[in-house]
Protein backbone atom coordinates (compact mmCIF):
# COMPACT_ATOMS: atom_id res chain seq x y z
CA MET A 1 83.55 -9.01 -14.38
CA THR A 2 83.48 -11.97 -11.67
CA LEU A 3 82.35 -11.70 -7.99
CA GLY A 4 85.13 -11.53 -5.31
CA PRO A 5 86.96 -9.65 -3.05
CA ILE A 6 88.03 -6.24 -4.16
CA PRO A 7 91.77 -5.63 -4.53
CA TRP A 8 93.61 -4.08 -1.66
CA SER A 9 95.23 -1.74 -4.47
CA SER A 10 91.73 -0.98 -5.94
CA ILE A 11 90.86 0.81 -1.74
CA ILE A 12 93.62 1.92 -1.27
CA ARG A 13 93.33 4.08 -5.05
CA TRP A 14 89.91 4.54 -4.70
CA GLY A 15 90.57 5.75 -0.69
CA GLU A 16 93.46 8.51 -1.75
CA LEU A 17 91.05 9.65 -4.75
CA HIS A 18 88.70 10.76 -1.90
CA GLY A 19 91.58 12.19 0.06
CA VAL A 20 91.84 9.07 2.29
CA ASN A 21 95.78 9.01 3.29
CA ASP A 22 96.18 8.63 6.39
CA LEU A 23 97.04 4.89 6.71
CA ASP A 24 95.06 4.67 9.69
CA ASP A 25 92.15 5.05 7.79
CA LEU A 26 92.68 3.62 4.71
CA ALA A 27 93.04 0.36 7.31
CA VAL A 28 89.44 1.31 8.55
CA LEU A 29 88.32 1.66 5.29
CA GLU A 30 89.43 -1.50 4.16
CA HIS A 31 87.60 -3.40 7.31
CA HIS A 32 84.50 -1.75 6.45
CA ILE A 33 84.86 -2.88 2.88
CA ARG A 34 85.87 -6.57 3.95
CA ALA A 35 83.07 -6.58 6.44
CA MET A 36 80.41 -5.91 3.42
CA GLU A 37 82.01 -8.17 0.98
CA ASN A 38 81.38 -11.09 4.02
CA ALA A 39 78.24 -10.10 4.75
CA LEU A 40 77.28 -10.23 1.12
CA HIS A 41 78.58 -13.44 0.87
CA GLU A 42 76.22 -14.83 3.89
CA PHE A 43 73.47 -13.14 2.28
CA GLN A 44 74.23 -15.10 -1.13
CA GLU A 45 74.57 -18.37 0.75
CA ARG A 46 71.43 -17.75 2.42
CA ARG A 47 70.11 -17.47 -0.67
CA ASP A 48 71.33 -19.52 -2.54
CA LYS A 49 70.18 -22.46 0.29
CA ALA A 50 66.75 -21.14 0.00
CA LYS A 51 66.55 -22.09 -3.21
CA GLU A 52 67.93 -25.40 -2.82
CA LYS A 53 65.37 -26.11 -0.60
CA LYS A 54 62.45 -24.52 -2.71
CA GLY A 55 63.74 -26.69 -5.75
CA ARG A 56 63.37 -30.15 -3.87
CA GLY A 57 60.45 -29.45 -2.43
CA SER A 58 58.37 -29.20 -5.79
């Protein structure tokens, strides 16, 4: 399994399985998932930069 964006189709399928059928609600769900993905990506970048900086300081 690779890291990357959750496929749109998977988000829609999950939403429908959990009773989210309204298109506006599905759009909100996707928006929040993308926001969480972006936050994770930013966190990982900061962590990786900190590791690089720490590694150069040794």
